[in-house]
Amino acid sequence: MLINISQLEPDKLTDLQMTELLYKNLEDDNEKGDLFFVPGSNKAVEYRLPKAIQLYNEGRAKKILFSGGVIWEGNKLSEAHLLKHKAIEQGVPEEDILVEDMSLHSKENVLASLLVLDREFYLNNIKRVIIVTTIYHIRRFYLTLKTYMPDWIEYSLCPVNDKTTKVDNWFMYPYGRKRVEMESSKLIKYVKQGIIVDDFVEISDVHSK
């Protein structure tokens, strides 16, 4: 059944329903774009960066935007600058890399990147953004972009798997379960608060257990 995210209650969702909420109907459309948007995280270098570099080398877009100002324990660089440093090490030319290093969470990734993107492209020239982020995070990040970016921009979704939050194994690991439960709760809460736009999701009957 199709249902608005705002109609869901996070503490009443089954494992199957959380899987559908975060993972279903989010496939890559293989379209080319103006840039890759890669939000930072403590594991972004390990999981998100290789996917972004692969797609860059395939010619899907000519620029990569790394976004994130958090400095994680054990690092001296912010998320975005660490991603840039590692990308250059792996052969991406510095002139093809954009950096936003002020944001502290997903909404700020988008808001703080608007000026960076306008200075590089002018926002009116951007037609398609390719999102590269962890698969359980991609729906919330996509809806955040739809909320705060200009409405003419379209998106391609390139989800990345890590070891313990795949669609078929997140429920087998304590960390995976924690991430999926937290992400489901955040997504629903932010939609209900109006922080991000509502959307339809295809989900099993919310009244069945």
N, C-alpha and C. Protein backbone atom coordinates (compact mmCIF):
# COMPACT_ATOMS: atom_id res chain seq x y z
N MET A 1 0.84 -1.19 0.00
CA MET A 1 0.00 0.00 0.00
C MET A 1 0.88 1.25 0.00
N LEU A 2 0.37 2.31 -0.62
CA LEU A 2 1.06 3.59 -0.61
C LEU A 2 0.56 4.41 0.58
N ILE A 3 1.49 4.97 1.31
CA ILE A 3 1.11 5.73 2.50
C ILE A 3 2.09 6.88 2.67
N ASN A 4 1.62 8.00 3.21
CA ASN A 4 2.52 9.11 3.50
C ASN A 4 3.43 8.75 4.67
N ILE A 5 4.66 9.18 4.62
CA ILE A 5 5.58 8.97 5.73
C ILE A 5 5.01 9.57 7.01
N SER A 6 4.32 10.69 6.89
CA SER A 6 3.76 11.37 8.06
C SER A 6 2.68 10.56 8.77
N GLN A 7 2.16 9.53 8.11
CA GLN A 7 1.13 8.69 8.73
C GLN A 7 1.71 7.53 9.53
N LEU A 8 3.02 7.36 9.48
CA LEU A 8 3.66 6.23 10.15
C LEU A 8 4.01 6.56 11.59
N GLU A 9 4.07 5.53 12.43
CA GLU A 9 4.51 5.66 13.81
C GLU A 9 5.75 4.79 13.98
N PRO A 10 6.92 5.37 14.26
CA PRO A 10 8.15 4.59 14.25
C PRO A 10 8.17 3.42 15.23
N ASP A 11 7.54 3.59 16.40
CA ASP A 11 7.59 2.52 17.40
C ASP A 11 6.62 1.39 17.10
N LYS A 12 5.84 1.52 16.03
CA LYS A 12 4.89 0.47 15.65
C LYS A 12 5.29 -0.27 14.38
N LEU A 13 6.43 0.08 13.81
CA LEU A 13 6.84 -0.54 12.55
C LEU A 13 7.50 -1.89 12.78
N THR A 14 7.17 -2.85 11.94
CA THR A 14 7.84 -4.13 11.95
C THR A 14 9.19 -4.01 11.23
N ASP A 15 9.99 -5.05 11.32
CA ASP A 15 11.26 -5.06 10.60
C ASP A 15 11.03 -4.92 9.10
N LEU A 16 10.03 -5.62 8.58
CA LEU A 16 9.72 -5.54 7.16
C LEU A 16 9.33 -4.12 6.77
N GLN A 17 8.52 -3.47 7.58
CA GLN A 17 8.07 -2.12 7.27
C GLN A 17 9.22 -1.11 7.33
N MET A 18 10.14 -1.28 8.28
CA MET A 18 11.31 -0.40 8.31
C MET A 18 12.19 -0.62 7.09
N THR A 19 12.31 -1.87 6.69
CA THR A 19 13.07 -2.18 5.48
C THR A 19 12.45 -1.49 4.28
N GLU A 20 11.14 -1.56 4.15
CA GLU A 20 10.46 -0.92 3.03
C GLU A 20 10.59 0.59 3.08
N LEU A 21 10.49 1.15 4.28
CA LEU A 21 10.59 2.60 4.44
C LEU A 21 11.95 3.13 3.99
N LEU A 22 13.01 2.44 4.36
CA LEU A 22 14.35 2.96 4.11
C LEU A 22 15.01 2.44 2.84
N TYR A 23 14.55 1.31 2.32
CA TYR A 23 15.30 0.67 1.24
C TYR A 23 14.53 0.51 -0.07
N LYS A 24 13.22 0.56 -0.02
CA LYS A 24 12.44 0.17 -1.20
C LYS A 24 12.32 1.30 -2.22
N ASN A 25 12.38 0.93 -3.50
CA ASN A 25 12.16 1.86 -4.63
C ASN A 25 13.14 3.03 -4.62
N LEU A 26 14.41 2.74 -4.37
CA LEU A 26 15.45 3.77 -4.36
C LEU A 26 16.61 3.38 -5.27
N GLU A 27 16.27 2.86 -6.46
CA GLU A 27 17.30 2.36 -7.35
C GLU A 27 17.91 3.49 -8.18
N ASP A 28 19.14 3.27 -8.60
CA ASP A 28 19.86 4.19 -9.46
C ASP A 28 19.23 4.19 -10.84
N ASP A 29 18.98 5.39 -11.39
CA ASP A 29 18.41 5.49 -12.74
C ASP A 29 19.49 5.61 -13.83
N ASN A 30 20.76 5.63 -13.40
CA ASN A 30 21.91 5.66 -14.32
C ASN A 30 22.00 6.91 -15.19
N GLU A 31 21.30 7.98 -14.81
CA GLU A 31 21.38 9.23 -15.56
C GLU A 31 22.68 9.97 -15.22
N LYS A 32 23.17 10.77 -16.16
CA LYS A 32 24.30 11.64 -15.88
C LYS A 32 23.81 12.89 -15.16
N GLY A 33 24.71 13.51 -14.38
CA GLY A 33 24.33 14.70 -13.63
C GLY A 33 25.39 15.78 -13.70
N ASP A 34 25.13 16.87 -13.01
CA ASP A 34 26.08 17.98 -12.95
C ASP A 34 27.14 17.77 -11.89
N LEU A 35 26.77 17.03 -10.84
CA LEU A 35 27.72 16.79 -9.76
C LEU A 35 27.27 15.62 -8.90
N PHE A 36 28.23 15.07 -8.18
CA PHE A 36 27.95 14.11 -7.12
C PHE A 36 27.90 14.87 -5.80
N PHE A 37 26.91 14.55 -4.97
CA PHE A 37 26.79 15.13 -3.64
C PHE A 37 27.05 14.01 -2.64
N VAL A 38 28.17 14.13 -1.90
CA VAL A 38 28.58 13.10 -0.95
C VAL A 38 28.61 13.69 0.45
N PRO A 39 27.59 13.43 1.28
CA PRO A 39 27.63 13.93 2.66
C PRO A 39 28.61 13.11 3.49
N GLY A 40 29.25 13.77 4.44
CA GLY A 40 30.24 13.09 5.26
C GLY A 40 29.63 12.26 6.37
N SER A 41 30.45 11.38 6.91
CA SER A 41 30.11 10.58 8.10
C SER A 41 31.43 10.03 8.63
N ASN A 42 31.37 9.32 9.76
CA ASN A 42 32.61 8.78 10.30
C ASN A 42 33.16 7.63 9.47
N LYS A 43 32.33 7.06 8.59
CA LYS A 43 32.79 5.96 7.73
C LYS A 43 32.69 6.32 6.25
N ALA A 44 32.55 7.60 5.95
CA ALA A 44 32.34 8.00 4.55
C ALA A 44 33.52 7.65 3.66
N VAL A 45 34.73 7.78 4.18
CA VAL A 45 35.91 7.44 3.38
C VAL A 45 35.91 5.97 3.01
N GLU A 46 35.45 5.15 3.94
CA GLU A 46 35.47 3.70 3.72
C GLU A 46 34.39 3.24 2.75
N TYR A 47 33.21 3.84 2.83
CA TYR A 47 32.08 3.33 2.05
C TYR A 47 31.59 4.27 0.95
N ARG A 48 31.40 5.54 1.25
CA ARG A 48 30.81 6.45 0.26
C ARG A 48 31.82 6.90 -0.79
N LEU A 49 33.05 7.14 -0.37
CA LEU A 49 34.07 7.65 -1.29
C LEU A 49 34.36 6.69 -2.45
N PRO A 50 34.56 5.40 -2.21
CA PRO A 50 34.83 4.51 -3.35
C PRO A 50 33.74 4.51 -4.41
N LYS A 51 32.48 4.58 -3.98
CA LYS A 51 31.37 4.63 -4.93
C LYS A 51 31.41 5.93 -5.74
N ALA A 52 31.66 7.05 -5.06
CA ALA A 52 31.71 8.33 -5.75
C ALA A 52 32.84 8.35 -6.78
N ILE A 53 34.00 7.84 -6.41
CA ILE A 53 35.14 7.81 -7.34
C ILE A 53 34.85 6.89 -8.52
N GLN A 54 34.24 5.75 -8.24
CA GLN A 54 33.86 4.83 -9.33
C GLN A 54 32.94 5.52 -10.34
N LEU A 55 31.92 6.18 -9.84
CA LEU A 55 30.96 6.85 -10.73
C LEU A 55 31.61 8.04 -11.45
N TYR A 56 32.49 8.75 -10.76
CA TYR A 56 33.23 9.85 -11.39
C TYR A 56 34.07 9.31 -12.55
N ASN A 57 34.77 8.21 -12.31
CA ASN A 57 35.61 7.62 -13.36
C ASN A 57 34.79 7.08 -14.52
N GLU A 58 33.53 6.73 -14.24
CA GLU A 58 32.63 6.28 -15.31
C GLU A 58 32.04 7.44 -16.11
N GLY A 59 32.27 8.67 -15.63
CA GLY A 59 31.81 9.84 -16.37
C GLY A 59 30.39 10.27 -16.09
N ARG A 60 29.83 9.86 -14.95
CA ARG A 60 28.44 10.23 -14.64
C ARG A 60 28.30 11.72 -14.34
N ALA A 61 29.34 12.33 -13.79
CA ALA A 61 29.37 13.78 -13.52
C ALA A 61 30.82 14.22 -13.46
N LYS A 62 31.02 15.53 -13.63
CA LYS A 62 32.39 16.05 -13.72
C LYS A 62 32.89 16.68 -12.42
N LYS A 63 32.00 16.85 -11.45
CA LYS A 63 32.39 17.47 -10.19
C LYS A 63 31.87 16.63 -9.03
N ILE A 64 32.63 16.65 -7.92
CA ILE A 64 32.21 15.97 -6.69
C ILE A 64 32.16 17.01 -5.57
N LEU A 65 31.02 17.09 -4.90
CA LEU A 65 30.89 17.94 -3.72
C LEU A 65 30.96 17.07 -2.47
N PHE A 66 31.95 17.32 -1.63
CA PHE A 66 32.05 16.67 -0.33
C PHE A 66 31.56 17.66 0.72
N SER A 67 30.65 17.20 1.57
CA SER A 67 29.99 18.09 2.53
C SER A 67 30.10 17.51 3.93
N GLY A 68 30.55 18.34 4.88
CA GLY A 68 30.59 17.89 6.26
C GLY A 68 31.68 18.57 7.05
N GLY A 69 31.32 19.18 8.17
CA GLY A 69 32.29 19.90 8.99
C GLY A 69 32.69 19.20 10.26
N VAL A 70 32.13 18.02 10.53
CA VAL A 70 32.46 17.30 11.75
C VAL A 70 33.90 16.77 11.66
N ILE A 71 34.64 16.90 12.75
CA ILE A 71 35.97 16.29 12.85
C ILE A 71 35.86 15.11 13.82
N TRP A 72 35.96 13.90 13.30
CA TRP A 72 35.77 12.71 14.12
C TRP A 72 37.04 12.39 14.90
N GLU A 73 36.87 11.72 16.01
CA GLU A 73 38.01 11.35 16.86
C GLU A 73 39.06 10.59 16.05
N GLY A 74 40.30 10.99 16.22
CA GLY A 74 41.38 10.34 15.49
C GLY A 74 41.75 11.04 14.20
N ASN A 75 40.97 12.06 13.81
CA ASN A 75 41.25 12.81 12.59
C ASN A 75 41.55 14.27 12.92
N LYS A 76 42.33 14.90 12.09
CA LYS A 76 42.60 16.33 12.21
C LYS A 76 41.81 17.13 11.20
N LEU A 77 41.27 16.44 10.19
CA LEU A 77 40.54 17.11 9.12
C LEU A 77 39.04 16.91 9.29
N SER A 78 38.26 17.86 8.81
CA SER A 78 36.80 17.70 8.77
C SER A 78 36.44 16.58 7.80
N GLU A 79 35.20 16.12 7.90
CA GLU A 79 34.72 15.06 6.99
C GLU A 79 34.99 15.42 5.53
N ALA A 80 34.63 16.65 5.15
CA ALA A 80 34.74 17.05 3.75
C ALA A 80 36.19 17.12 3.30
N HIS A 81 37.06 17.68 4.12
CA HIS A 81 38.46 17.81 3.73
C HIS A 81 39.17 16.45 3.74
N LEU A 82 38.77 15.58 4.64
CA LEU A 82 39.34 14.23 4.63
C LEU A 82 38.93 13.49 3.35
N LEU A 83 37.67 13.61 2.96
CA LEU A 83 37.21 12.99 1.72
C LEU A 83 37.96 13.57 0.51
N LYS A 84 38.14 14.89 0.51
CA LYS A 84 38.88 15.52 -0.58
C LYS A 84 40.31 14.99 -0.64
N HIS A 85 40.98 14.95 0.50
CA HIS A 85 42.36 14.48 0.56
C HIS A 85 42.47 13.06 0.01
N LYS A 86 41.57 12.18 0.44
CA LYS A 86 41.61 10.79 -0.01
C LYS A 86 41.25 10.67 -1.49
N ALA A 87 40.34 11.51 -1.96
CA ALA A 87 39.97 11.47 -3.38
C ALA A 87 41.14 11.88 -4.27
N ILE A 88 41.85 12.91 -3.85
CA ILE A 88 43.03 13.35 -4.61
C ILE A 88 44.08 12.24 -4.63
N GLU A 89 44.26 11.58 -3.49
CA GLU A 89 45.20 10.45 -3.42
C GLU A 89 44.84 9.37 -4.44
N GLN A 90 43.55 9.24 -4.72
CA GLN A 90 43.09 8.20 -5.63
C GLN A 90 42.87 8.70 -7.06
N GLY A 91 43.40 9.88 -7.35
CA GLY A 91 43.47 10.32 -8.73
C GLY A 91 42.44 11.32 -9.19
N VAL A 92 41.56 11.78 -8.30
CA VAL A 92 40.58 12.79 -8.71
C VAL A 92 41.27 14.16 -8.71
N PRO A 93 41.22 14.90 -9.81
CA PRO A 93 41.88 16.21 -9.85
C PRO A 93 41.25 17.18 -8.85
N GLU A 94 42.11 17.96 -8.19
CA GLU A 94 41.61 18.89 -7.17
C GLU A 94 40.59 19.87 -7.73
N GLU A 95 40.74 20.25 -9.00
CA GLU A 95 39.82 21.22 -9.60
C GLU A 95 38.41 20.65 -9.81
N ASP A 96 38.27 19.35 -9.71
CA ASP A 96 36.96 18.73 -9.85
C ASP A 96 36.27 18.48 -8.52
N ILE A 97 36.87 18.96 -7.43
CA ILE A 97 36.35 18.71 -6.09
C ILE A 97 35.86 20.01 -5.46
N LEU A 98 34.65 19.99 -4.93
CA LEU A 98 34.09 21.10 -4.16
C LEU A 98 33.97 20.66 -2.70
N VAL A 99 34.15 21.61 -1.80
CA VAL A 99 34.14 21.29 -0.37
C VAL A 99 33.21 22.25 0.37
N GLU A 100 32.38 21.67 1.23
CA GLU A 100 31.55 22.44 2.18
C GLU A 100 31.92 21.89 3.55
N ASP A 101 32.48 22.73 4.42
CA ASP A 101 33.04 22.22 5.68
C ASP A 101 32.48 22.90 6.93
N MET A 102 31.24 23.39 6.84
CA MET A 102 30.62 24.03 8.00
C MET A 102 29.51 23.18 8.63
N SER A 103 28.92 22.29 7.87
CA SER A 103 27.71 21.59 8.32
C SER A 103 28.01 20.53 9.38
N LEU A 104 27.01 20.29 10.23
CA LEU A 104 27.15 19.33 11.33
C LEU A 104 26.14 18.19 11.24
N HIS A 105 25.18 18.27 10.30
CA HIS A 105 24.21 17.19 10.12
C HIS A 105 23.60 17.32 8.72
N SER A 106 22.69 16.41 8.41
CA SER A 106 22.21 16.28 7.02
C SER A 106 21.54 17.55 6.50
N LYS A 107 20.69 18.17 7.29
CA LYS A 107 20.03 19.39 6.80
C LYS A 107 21.05 20.48 6.53
N GLU A 108 22.03 20.61 7.41
CA GLU A 108 23.07 21.61 7.20
C GLU A 108 23.96 21.26 6.01
N ASN A 109 24.16 19.95 5.73
CA ASN A 109 24.87 19.56 4.51
C ASN A 109 24.26 20.26 3.30
N VAL A 110 22.94 20.25 3.25
CA VAL A 110 22.23 20.83 2.11
C VAL A 110 22.28 22.36 2.17
N LEU A 111 21.90 22.92 3.31
CA LEU A 111 21.83 24.38 3.42
C LEU A 111 23.19 25.03 3.19
N ALA A 112 24.23 24.49 3.81
CA ALA A 112 25.55 25.10 3.69
C ALA A 112 26.15 24.89 2.31
N SER A 113 25.66 23.90 1.57
CA SER A 113 26.18 23.64 0.23
C SER A 113 25.56 24.53 -0.84
N LEU A 114 24.46 25.18 -0.53
CA LEU A 114 23.80 26.01 -1.54
C LEU A 114 24.72 27.12 -2.06
N LEU A 115 25.42 27.77 -1.15
CA LEU A 115 26.32 28.85 -1.57
C LEU A 115 27.51 28.30 -2.37
N VAL A 116 28.06 27.18 -1.92
CA VAL A 116 29.17 26.54 -2.64
C VAL A 116 28.76 26.22 -4.08
N LEU A 117 27.57 25.64 -4.22
CA LEU A 117 27.09 25.26 -5.54
C LEU A 117 26.76 26.47 -6.40
N ASP A 118 26.19 27.50 -5.79
CA ASP A 118 25.86 28.70 -6.57
C ASP A 118 27.13 29.38 -7.07
N ARG A 119 28.15 29.41 -6.23
CA ARG A 119 29.41 30.04 -6.65
C ARG A 119 30.09 29.24 -7.78
N GLU A 120 29.91 27.93 -7.76
CA GLU A 120 30.56 27.10 -8.77
C GLU A 120 29.77 27.06 -10.08
N PHE A 121 28.45 26.90 -10.00
CA PHE A 121 27.64 26.65 -11.19
C PHE A 121 26.65 27.77 -11.51
N TYR A 122 26.23 28.54 -10.49
CA TYR A 122 24.95 29.24 -10.41
C TYR A 122 23.85 28.18 -10.33
N LEU A 123 23.03 28.29 -9.31
CA LEU A 123 22.04 27.25 -9.05
C LEU A 123 21.11 27.02 -10.23
N ASN A 124 20.81 28.09 -10.98
CA ASN A 124 19.88 27.94 -12.11
C ASN A 124 20.44 27.04 -13.21
N ASN A 125 21.74 26.79 -13.19
CA ASN A 125 22.35 25.93 -14.21
C ASN A 125 22.40 24.47 -13.81
N ILE A 126 22.07 24.17 -12.57
CA ILE A 126 22.12 22.77 -12.11
C ILE A 126 20.81 22.08 -12.46
N LYS A 127 20.92 20.99 -13.18
CA LYS A 127 19.73 20.24 -13.60
C LYS A 127 19.57 18.93 -12.83
N ARG A 128 20.69 18.26 -12.52
CA ARG A 128 20.59 16.96 -11.84
C ARG A 128 21.77 16.78 -10.88
N VAL A 129 21.45 16.33 -9.68
CA VAL A 129 22.44 16.01 -8.65
C VAL A 129 22.41 14.51 -8.41
N ILE A 130 23.58 13.90 -8.37
CA ILE A 130 23.69 12.47 -8.09
C ILE A 130 24.07 12.30 -6.62
N ILE A 131 23.19 11.68 -5.85
CA ILE A 131 23.39 11.51 -4.41
C ILE A 131 24.14 10.21 -4.15
N VAL A 132 25.25 10.32 -3.42
CA VAL A 132 26.01 9.13 -3.03
C VAL A 132 26.08 9.10 -1.51
N THR A 133 25.30 8.23 -0.92
CA THR A 133 25.33 8.08 0.54
C THR A 133 24.90 6.67 0.90
N THR A 134 25.03 6.36 2.18
CA THR A 134 24.71 5.02 2.64
C THR A 134 23.24 4.71 2.41
N ILE A 135 22.95 3.46 2.07
CA ILE A 135 21.62 3.10 1.59
C ILE A 135 20.52 3.44 2.60
N TYR A 136 20.76 3.21 3.89
CA TYR A 136 19.69 3.48 4.86
C TYR A 136 19.45 4.97 5.05
N HIS A 137 20.40 5.81 4.63
CA HIS A 137 20.33 7.26 4.81
C HIS A 137 19.76 7.97 3.59
N ILE A 138 19.67 7.26 2.46
CA ILE A 138 19.47 7.96 1.20
C ILE A 138 18.07 8.56 1.06
N ARG A 139 17.05 7.93 1.60
CA ARG A 139 15.71 8.52 1.45
C ARG A 139 15.61 9.84 2.22
N ARG A 140 16.11 9.88 3.43
CA ARG A 140 16.04 11.13 4.21
C ARG A 140 16.87 12.22 3.54
N PHE A 141 18.05 11.86 3.04
CA PHE A 141 18.88 12.87 2.42
C PHE A 141 18.26 13.38 1.12
N TYR A 142 17.67 12.47 0.37
CA TYR A 142 16.97 12.86 -0.86
C TYR A 142 15.83 13.83 -0.56
N LEU A 143 15.03 13.53 0.46
CA LEU A 143 13.91 14.40 0.79
C LEU A 143 14.39 15.73 1.37
N THR A 144 15.54 15.72 2.05
CA THR A 144 16.11 16.97 2.53
C THR A 144 16.54 17.85 1.36
N LEU A 145 17.16 17.26 0.36
CA LEU A 145 17.52 18.01 -0.84
C LEU A 145 16.28 18.56 -1.53
N LYS A 146 15.25 17.74 -1.65
CA LYS A 146 14.01 18.19 -2.30
C LYS A 146 13.37 19.35 -1.52
N THR A 147 13.56 19.38 -0.21
CA THR A 147 12.97 20.42 0.62
C THR A 147 13.68 21.75 0.43
N TYR A 148 15.01 21.75 0.39
CA TYR A 148 15.77 22.99 0.49
C TYR A 148 16.49 23.40 -0.79
N MET A 149 16.64 22.51 -1.75
CA MET A 149 17.25 22.88 -3.02
C MET A 149 16.17 23.39 -3.97
N PRO A 150 16.55 24.14 -5.02
CA PRO A 150 15.55 24.60 -5.99
C PRO A 150 14.75 23.44 -6.58
N ASP A 151 13.46 23.70 -6.84
CA ASP A 151 12.56 22.60 -7.20
C ASP A 151 12.73 22.09 -8.62
N TRP A 152 13.53 22.77 -9.45
CA TRP A 152 13.74 22.27 -10.81
C TRP A 152 14.84 21.20 -10.87
N ILE A 153 15.58 21.06 -9.79
CA ILE A 153 16.69 20.09 -9.79
C ILE A 153 16.13 18.68 -9.62
N GLU A 154 16.63 17.76 -10.42
CA GLU A 154 16.27 16.35 -10.31
C GLU A 154 17.43 15.59 -9.67
N TYR A 155 17.14 14.35 -9.26
CA TYR A 155 18.12 13.60 -8.48
C TYR A 155 18.24 12.17 -8.98
N SER A 156 19.45 11.68 -8.98
CA SER A 156 19.72 10.26 -9.16
C SER A 156 20.24 9.73 -7.83
N LEU A 157 19.78 8.55 -7.45
CA LEU A 157 20.11 7.98 -6.15
C LEU A 157 21.10 6.84 -6.33
N CYS A 158 22.26 6.97 -5.71
CA CYS A 158 23.30 5.93 -5.80
C CYS A 158 23.61 5.45 -4.39
N PRO A 159 22.80 4.53 -3.88
CA PRO A 159 23.01 4.05 -2.51
C PRO A 159 24.25 3.18 -2.38
N VAL A 160 24.87 3.27 -1.21
CA VAL A 160 26.10 2.54 -0.91
C VAL A 160 25.83 1.59 0.26
N ASN A 161 26.28 0.36 0.12
CA ASN A 161 26.17 -0.59 1.23
C ASN A 161 27.38 -0.50 2.14
N ASP A 162 27.16 -0.64 3.45
CA ASP A 162 28.27 -0.96 4.33
C ASP A 162 28.04 -2.39 4.82
N LYS A 163 28.80 -2.83 5.78
CA LYS A 163 28.80 -4.26 6.11
C LYS A 163 27.55 -4.70 6.88
N THR A 164 27.02 -3.82 7.72
CA THR A 164 25.97 -4.26 8.65
C THR A 164 24.64 -3.55 8.49
N THR A 165 24.47 -2.79 7.41
CA THR A 165 23.16 -2.14 7.20
C THR A 165 22.62 -2.42 5.80
N LYS A 166 22.93 -3.58 5.25
CA LYS A 166 22.38 -3.96 3.95
C LYS A 166 20.91 -4.33 4.11
N VAL A 167 20.19 -4.28 3.02
CA VAL A 167 18.75 -4.57 3.07
C VAL A 167 18.47 -5.97 3.62
N ASP A 168 19.39 -6.90 3.39
CA ASP A 168 19.12 -8.28 3.78
C ASP A 168 19.86 -8.72 5.05
N ASN A 169 20.53 -7.77 5.73
CA ASN A 169 21.23 -8.22 6.94
C ASN A 169 21.20 -7.25 8.12
N TRP A 170 20.60 -6.06 7.97
CA TRP A 170 20.67 -5.08 9.05
C TRP A 170 20.09 -5.60 10.35
N PHE A 171 19.07 -6.44 10.25
CA PHE A 171 18.37 -6.97 11.44
C PHE A 171 19.17 -8.06 12.14
N MET A 172 20.31 -8.48 11.56
CA MET A 172 21.14 -9.53 12.14
C MET A 172 22.23 -8.98 13.04
N TYR A 173 22.44 -7.65 13.03
CA TYR A 173 23.54 -7.04 13.77
C TYR A 173 23.00 -5.95 14.69
N PRO A 174 23.48 -5.91 15.94
CA PRO A 174 23.03 -4.84 16.85
C PRO A 174 23.26 -3.45 16.28
N TYR A 175 24.41 -3.20 15.65
CA TYR A 175 24.69 -1.88 15.08
C TYR A 175 23.74 -1.58 13.93
N GLY A 176 23.53 -2.58 13.07
CA GLY A 176 22.62 -2.39 11.95
C GLY A 176 21.21 -2.08 12.41
N ARG A 177 20.75 -2.81 13.40
CA ARG A 177 19.40 -2.56 13.93
C ARG A 177 19.31 -1.17 14.53
N LYS A 178 20.33 -0.77 15.29
CA LYS A 178 20.32 0.55 15.89
C LYS A 178 20.25 1.63 14.82
N ARG A 179 21.05 1.50 13.75
CA ARG A 179 21.07 2.50 12.69
C ARG A 179 19.71 2.59 11.99
N VAL A 180 19.13 1.44 11.66
CA VAL A 180 17.86 1.43 10.93
C VAL A 180 16.72 1.96 11.81
N GLU A 181 16.67 1.56 13.05
CA GLU A 181 15.62 2.06 13.94
C GLU A 181 15.75 3.57 14.15
N MET A 182 16.98 4.05 14.35
CA MET A 182 17.19 5.50 14.52
C MET A 182 16.84 6.26 13.25
N GLU A 183 17.23 5.72 12.10
CA GLU A 183 16.97 6.41 10.85
C GLU A 183 15.47 6.45 10.54
N SER A 184 14.76 5.36 10.81
CA SER A 184 13.31 5.33 10.60
C SER A 184 12.64 6.39 11.48
N SER A 185 13.07 6.46 12.73
CA SER A 185 12.50 7.42 13.66
C SER A 185 12.79 8.86 13.23
N LYS A 186 14.04 9.14 12.83
CA LYS A 186 14.41 10.48 12.37
C LYS A 186 13.59 10.89 11.15
N LEU A 187 13.51 10.01 10.19
CA LEU A 187 12.80 10.31 8.96
C LEU A 187 11.35 10.68 9.23
N ILE A 188 10.67 9.87 10.02
CA ILE A 188 9.26 10.11 10.32
C ILE A 188 9.11 11.39 11.15
N LYS A 189 9.96 11.56 12.15
CA LYS A 189 9.88 12.74 13.02
C LYS A 189 10.08 14.03 12.23
N TYR A 190 11.10 14.05 11.37
CA TYR A 190 11.40 15.27 10.62
C TYR A 190 10.30 15.61 9.62
N VAL A 191 9.69 14.58 9.04
CA VAL A 191 8.56 14.84 8.14
C VAL A 191 7.38 15.41 8.92
N LYS A 192 7.07 14.83 10.06
CA LYS A 192 5.95 15.30 10.87
C LYS A 192 6.18 16.72 11.39
N GLN A 193 7.43 17.07 11.65
CA GLN A 193 7.75 18.42 12.13
C GLN A 193 7.82 19.44 11.00
N GLY A 194 7.74 18.96 9.75
CA GLY A 194 7.83 19.86 8.61
C GLY A 194 9.25 20.25 8.24
N ILE A 195 10.24 19.59 8.84
CA ILE A 195 11.64 19.89 8.54
C ILE A 195 11.99 19.41 7.14
N ILE A 196 11.42 18.28 6.73
CA ILE A 196 11.57 17.81 5.35
C ILE A 196 10.19 17.47 4.79
N VAL A 197 10.10 17.50 3.47
CA VAL A 197 8.81 17.29 2.81
C VAL A 197 8.32 15.86 3.00
N ASP A 198 7.02 15.71 3.01
CA ASP A 198 6.39 14.40 3.09
C ASP A 198 6.51 13.70 1.73
N ASP A 199 6.37 12.39 1.74
CA ASP A 199 6.43 11.63 0.49
C ASP A 199 5.65 10.35 0.69
N PHE A 200 5.23 9.75 -0.41
CA PHE A 200 4.59 8.45 -0.36
C PHE A 200 5.65 7.35 -0.33
N VAL A 201 5.40 6.31 0.43
CA VAL A 201 6.24 5.12 0.41
C VAL A 201 5.33 3.91 0.24
N GLU A 202 5.88 2.90 -0.41
CA GLU A 202 5.15 1.65 -0.60
C GLU A 202 5.52 0.72 0.54
N ILE A 203 4.52 0.41 1.36
CA ILE A 203 4.82 -0.30 2.59
C ILE A 203 3.71 -1.31 2.88
N SER A 204 4.08 -2.40 3.55
CA SER A 204 3.09 -3.41 3.92
C SER A 204 2.08 -2.82 4.89
N ASP A 205 0.93 -3.45 4.98
CA ASP A 205 -0.17 -2.96 5.80
C ASP A 205 0.33 -2.57 7.19
N VAL A 206 0.21 -1.30 7.52
CA VAL A 206 0.72 -0.82 8.81
C VAL A 206 -0.11 -1.32 9.99
N HIS A 207 -1.23 -1.93 9.70
CA HIS A 207 -2.07 -2.43 10.79
C HIS A 207 -1.81 -3.91 11.05
N SER A 208 -0.97 -4.53 10.22
CA SER A 208 -0.68 -5.96 10.44
C SER A 208 0.68 -6.11 11.09
N LYS A 209 0.82 -7.17 11.85
CA LYS A 209 2.08 -7.44 12.54
C LYS A 209 2.62 -8.78 12.09
